[in-house]
Amino acid sequence: MESSQRATERSFAATLAPQHRRWLAEQSAWLLQQGRFDALEALAAEWDDEERDDA
């Protein structure tokens, strides 16, 4: 059975996920326009780490 704290964390993460994805999309677009491929790769790596943590 899932603990109350874990259920709250999952609910909170589900609420923020669309906003976080929108922010990532905006940041990615800006970084591409600026030619900042190094920063884009770092952002992608950070997102991959967060996805693994959430799984």
N, C-alpha and C. Protein backbone atom coordinates (compact mmCIF):
# COMPACT_ATOMS: atom_id res chain seq x y z
N MET A 1 0.84 -1.18 0.00
CA MET A 1 0.00 0.00 0.00
C MET A 1 0.89 1.25 0.00
N GLU A 2 0.47 2.24 -0.75
CA GLU A 2 1.25 3.47 -0.89
C GLU A 2 1.04 4.36 0.34
N SER A 3 2.13 4.90 0.82
CA SER A 3 2.04 5.80 1.97
C SER A 3 1.35 7.10 1.58
N SER A 4 0.81 7.77 2.55
CA SER A 4 0.12 9.04 2.31
C SER A 4 1.08 10.07 1.73
N GLN A 5 2.31 10.09 2.24
CA GLN A 5 3.30 11.06 1.74
C GLN A 5 3.62 10.78 0.27
N ARG A 6 3.80 9.52 -0.08
CA ARG A 6 4.11 9.17 -1.48
C ARG A 6 2.95 9.53 -2.39
N ALA A 7 1.73 9.30 -1.94
CA ALA A 7 0.55 9.65 -2.74
C ALA A 7 0.49 11.16 -2.96
N THR A 8 0.82 11.92 -1.93
CA THR A 8 0.84 13.38 -2.05
C THR A 8 1.91 13.81 -3.02
N GLU A 9 3.09 13.19 -2.96
CA GLU A 9 4.18 13.52 -3.87
C GLU A 9 3.79 13.24 -5.32
N ARG A 10 3.14 12.10 -5.54
CA ARG A 10 2.71 11.75 -6.90
C ARG A 10 1.68 12.75 -7.42
N SER A 11 0.75 13.15 -6.57
CA SER A 11 -0.27 14.12 -6.97
C SER A 11 0.38 15.45 -7.31
N PHE A 12 1.31 15.88 -6.49
CA PHE A 12 2.01 17.15 -6.71
C PHE A 12 2.80 17.09 -8.01
N ALA A 13 3.50 15.98 -8.24
CA ALA A 13 4.29 15.83 -9.47
C ALA A 13 3.39 15.84 -10.70
N ALA A 14 2.24 15.18 -10.61
CA ALA A 14 1.31 15.15 -11.73
C ALA A 14 0.77 16.55 -12.04
N THR A 15 0.58 17.33 -11.02
CA THR A 15 0.09 18.70 -11.20
C THR A 15 1.14 19.57 -11.87
N LEU A 16 2.39 19.41 -11.48
CA LEU A 16 3.46 20.26 -12.02
C LEU A 16 4.01 19.79 -13.36
N ALA A 17 3.82 18.53 -13.69
CA ALA A 17 4.44 17.99 -14.90
C ALA A 17 4.12 18.79 -16.16
N PRO A 18 2.85 19.13 -16.44
CA PRO A 18 2.58 19.91 -17.66
C PRO A 18 3.27 21.28 -17.66
N GLN A 19 3.30 21.94 -16.51
CA GLN A 19 3.96 23.24 -16.42
C GLN A 19 5.46 23.09 -16.63
N HIS A 20 6.04 22.04 -16.07
CA HIS A 20 7.47 21.81 -16.21
C HIS A 20 7.83 21.50 -17.66
N ARG A 21 7.00 20.69 -18.30
CA ARG A 21 7.26 20.36 -19.71
C ARG A 21 7.15 21.60 -20.59
N ARG A 22 6.19 22.47 -20.31
CA ARG A 22 6.04 23.71 -21.08
C ARG A 22 7.28 24.59 -20.88
N TRP A 23 7.75 24.68 -19.63
CA TRP A 23 8.96 25.47 -19.35
C TRP A 23 10.15 24.88 -20.10
N LEU A 24 10.28 23.55 -20.09
CA LEU A 24 11.39 22.92 -20.80
C LEU A 24 11.32 23.20 -22.30
N ALA A 25 10.12 23.16 -22.84
CA ALA A 25 9.95 23.44 -24.27
C ALA A 25 10.36 24.88 -24.59
N GLU A 26 9.95 25.80 -23.75
CA GLU A 26 10.31 27.21 -23.96
C GLU A 26 11.81 27.41 -23.85
N GLN A 27 12.41 26.81 -22.85
CA GLN A 27 13.86 26.94 -22.67
C GLN A 27 14.60 26.31 -23.84
N SER A 28 14.14 25.15 -24.28
CA SER A 28 14.77 24.47 -25.40
C SER A 28 14.72 25.31 -26.66
N ALA A 29 13.56 25.89 -26.94
CA ALA A 29 13.41 26.72 -28.14
C ALA A 29 14.35 27.92 -28.07
N TRP A 30 14.42 28.56 -26.92
CA TRP A 30 15.29 29.73 -26.77
C TRP A 30 16.75 29.34 -26.95
N LEU A 31 17.15 28.22 -26.34
CA LEU A 31 18.54 27.78 -26.46
C LEU A 31 18.89 27.43 -27.91
N LEU A 32 17.95 26.83 -28.63
CA LEU A 32 18.19 26.52 -30.04
C LEU A 32 18.36 27.80 -30.85
N GLN A 33 17.51 28.79 -30.59
CA GLN A 33 17.61 30.07 -31.31
C GLN A 33 18.94 30.75 -31.05
N GLN A 34 19.46 30.58 -29.85
CA GLN A 34 20.73 31.22 -29.48
C GLN A 34 21.94 30.40 -29.91
N GLY A 35 21.70 29.18 -30.41
CA GLY A 35 22.81 28.31 -30.80
C GLY A 35 23.54 27.72 -29.61
N ARG A 36 22.86 27.64 -28.47
CA ARG A 36 23.48 27.15 -27.23
C ARG A 36 23.27 25.64 -27.10
N PHE A 37 23.89 24.88 -27.99
CA PHE A 37 23.69 23.44 -28.00
C PHE A 37 24.27 22.76 -26.76
N ASP A 38 25.34 23.35 -26.21
CA ASP A 38 25.92 22.79 -24.99
C ASP A 38 24.93 22.89 -23.83
N ALA A 39 24.28 24.03 -23.70
CA ALA A 39 23.30 24.22 -22.63
C ALA A 39 22.06 23.36 -22.87
N LEU A 40 21.69 23.18 -24.13
CA LEU A 40 20.54 22.34 -24.46
C LEU A 40 20.82 20.89 -24.08
N GLU A 41 22.04 20.42 -24.33
CA GLU A 41 22.41 19.06 -23.94
C GLU A 41 22.38 18.91 -22.43
N ALA A 42 22.84 19.92 -21.70
CA ALA A 42 22.81 19.87 -20.24
C ALA A 42 21.37 19.84 -19.72
N LEU A 43 20.50 20.62 -20.33
CA LEU A 43 19.09 20.64 -19.95
C LEU A 43 18.45 19.27 -20.21
N ALA A 44 18.77 18.68 -21.34
CA ALA A 44 18.23 17.35 -21.66
C ALA A 44 18.74 16.30 -20.67
N ALA A 45 19.99 16.37 -20.29
CA ALA A 45 20.54 15.43 -19.32
C ALA A 45 19.87 15.58 -17.96
N GLU A 46 19.60 16.82 -17.57
CA GLU A 46 18.92 17.08 -16.30
C GLU A 46 17.50 16.50 -16.33
N TRP A 47 16.82 16.71 -17.44
CA TRP A 47 15.46 16.18 -17.58
C TRP A 47 15.47 14.65 -17.53
N ASP A 48 16.46 14.01 -18.19
CA ASP A 48 16.57 12.55 -18.15
C ASP A 48 16.76 12.06 -16.72
N ASP A 49 17.59 12.76 -15.96
CA ASP A 49 17.82 12.38 -14.56
C ASP A 49 16.54 12.48 -13.75
N GLU A 50 15.76 13.53 -13.96
CA GLU A 50 14.51 13.72 -13.22
C GLU A 50 13.49 12.65 -13.60
N GLU A 51 13.45 12.29 -14.88
CA GLU A 51 12.52 11.25 -15.34
C GLU A 51 12.86 9.92 -14.68
N ARG A 52 14.15 9.60 -14.57
CA ARG A 52 14.58 8.36 -13.92
C ARG A 52 14.23 8.37 -12.44
N ASP A 53 14.39 9.50 -11.80
CA ASP A 53 14.06 9.61 -10.37
C ASP A 53 12.57 9.41 -10.13
N ASP A 54 11.74 9.90 -11.06
CA ASP A 54 10.29 9.78 -10.91
C ASP A 54 9.79 8.37 -11.17
N ALA A 55 10.56 7.59 -11.91
CA ALA A 55 10.11 6.23 -12.27
C ALA A 55 10.19 5.26 -11.11
